[in-house]
């Protein structure tokens, strides 16, 4: 069994899980909830966006820039497949 490195990397796995549970989330919410630096989060989101797993939206709210991220359909599938692979691995230990 080969786990997808995009999803399996610990920080990205946290991002996938958070976005899966909460849906579209602001950059600020992600940094706070996951205790990540802005640079670290930005780097991981860029990698996820390049792979087509996340969509980044930039807009102005009250004349201030706001960045948010959401899993794409492919991102949802990648995460669900990863969870299923982990479950299969666990089931095989019994």
Protein backbone atom coordinates (compact mmCIF):
# COMPACT_ATOMS: atom_id res chain seq x y z
CA UNK A 1 0.00 0.00 0.00
CA UNK A 2 1.39 3.38 -0.99
CA UNK A 3 -0.02 6.44 0.76
CA UNK A 4 -0.35 9.67 -1.22
CA UNK A 5 2.47 11.94 -0.03
CA UNK A 6 0.45 15.07 -0.78
CA UNK A 7 -2.15 14.05 1.81
CA UNK A 8 -0.03 11.98 4.18
CA UNK A 9 2.45 14.74 5.08
CA UNK A 10 1.45 15.68 8.67
CA UNK A 11 0.81 19.40 8.21
CA UNK A 12 -1.09 18.93 4.95
CA UNK A 13 -3.11 16.11 6.55
CA UNK A 14 -4.18 18.60 9.24
CA UNK A 15 -5.14 21.13 6.55
CA UNK A 16 -7.08 18.52 4.57
CA UNK A 17 -8.91 17.39 7.72
CA UNK A 18 -9.73 20.93 8.82
CA UNK A 19 -11.05 21.96 5.41
CA UNK A 20 -12.96 18.68 5.09
CA UNK A 21 -14.72 19.33 8.39
CA UNK A 22 -15.17 23.11 8.19
CA UNK A 23 -15.41 23.78 4.46
CA UNK A 24 -14.05 27.02 3.04
CA UNK A 25 -11.93 28.71 5.69
CA UNK A 26 -10.02 31.95 5.93
CA UNK A 27 -6.25 31.99 6.02
CA UNK A 28 -6.46 33.55 9.50
CA UNK A 29 -8.73 30.79 10.80
CA UNK A 30 -6.39 28.13 9.43
CA UNK A 31 -3.27 29.66 10.98
CA UNK A 32 -5.00 29.98 14.34
CA UNK A 33 -6.73 26.60 14.41
CA UNK A 34 -3.72 24.64 13.20
CA UNK A 35 -1.07 26.72 15.03
CA UNK A 36 0.90 27.33 11.83
CA UNK A 37 2.95 30.30 10.76
CA UNK A 38 1.66 32.24 7.78
CA UNK A 39 4.68 31.20 5.72
CA UNK A 40 4.28 27.52 6.56
CA UNK A 41 0.57 27.54 5.78
CA UNK A 42 1.11 29.47 2.56
CA UNK A 43 3.75 27.00 1.38
CA UNK A 44 1.54 23.97 2.03
CA UNK A 45 -1.55 25.57 0.48
CA UNK A 46 0.46 26.45 -2.62
CA UNK A 47 1.56 22.83 -3.00
CA UNK A 48 -2.04 21.65 -2.52
CA UNK A 49 -3.30 24.23 -5.04
CA UNK A 50 -0.65 23.17 -7.59
CA UNK A 51 -1.91 19.59 -7.23
CA UNK A 52 -5.52 20.69 -7.77
CA UNK A 53 -6.59 19.69 -4.25
CA UNK A 54 -7.46 23.13 -2.95
CA UNK A 55 -8.86 26.34 -4.40
CA UNK A 56 -7.53 29.63 -3.06
CA UNK A 57 -9.82 32.66 -3.20
CA UNK A 58 -8.59 36.22 -2.68
CA UNK A 59 -11.04 39.05 -2.15
CA UNK A 60 -11.45 42.33 -0.31
CA UNK A 61 -13.72 42.46 2.74
CA UNK A 62 -14.22 45.90 4.28
CA UNK A 63 -11.34 47.19 2.13
CA UNK A 64 -8.99 44.55 3.57
CA UNK A 65 -7.58 41.61 1.64
CA UNK A 66 -8.89 38.22 2.70
CA UNK A 67 -7.60 34.86 1.50
CA UNK A 68 -9.58 31.68 1.95
CA UNK A 69 -9.12 28.07 0.96
CA UNK A 70 -11.49 25.21 0.19
CA UNK A 71 -10.98 21.65 -0.94
CA UNK A 72 -11.82 20.97 -4.57
CA UNK A 73 -13.76 17.86 -5.57
CA UNK A 74 -10.39 16.22 -6.29
CA UNK A 75 -9.15 17.29 -2.86
CA UNK A 76 -12.19 15.77 -1.18
CA UNK A 77 -11.64 12.52 -3.07
CA UNK A 78 -7.92 12.47 -2.19
CA UNK A 79 -8.69 12.93 1.51
CA UNK A 80 -11.50 10.35 1.58
CA UNK A 81 -9.32 7.83 -0.27
CA UNK A 82 -6.49 8.45 2.20
CA UNK A 83 -8.79 7.90 5.18
CA UNK A 84 -10.04 4.68 3.58
CA UNK A 85 -6.47 3.47 3.03
CA UNK A 86 -5.64 4.15 6.68
CA UNK A 87 -8.79 2.29 7.75
CA UNK A 88 -7.81 -0.68 5.55
CA UNK A 89 -4.35 -0.65 7.12
CA UNK A 90 -5.84 -0.64 10.63
CA UNK A 91 -8.31 -3.39 9.75
CA UNK A 92 -5.42 -5.51 8.49
CA UNK A 93 -3.79 -5.36 11.92
CA UNK A 94 -6.63 -7.24 13.62
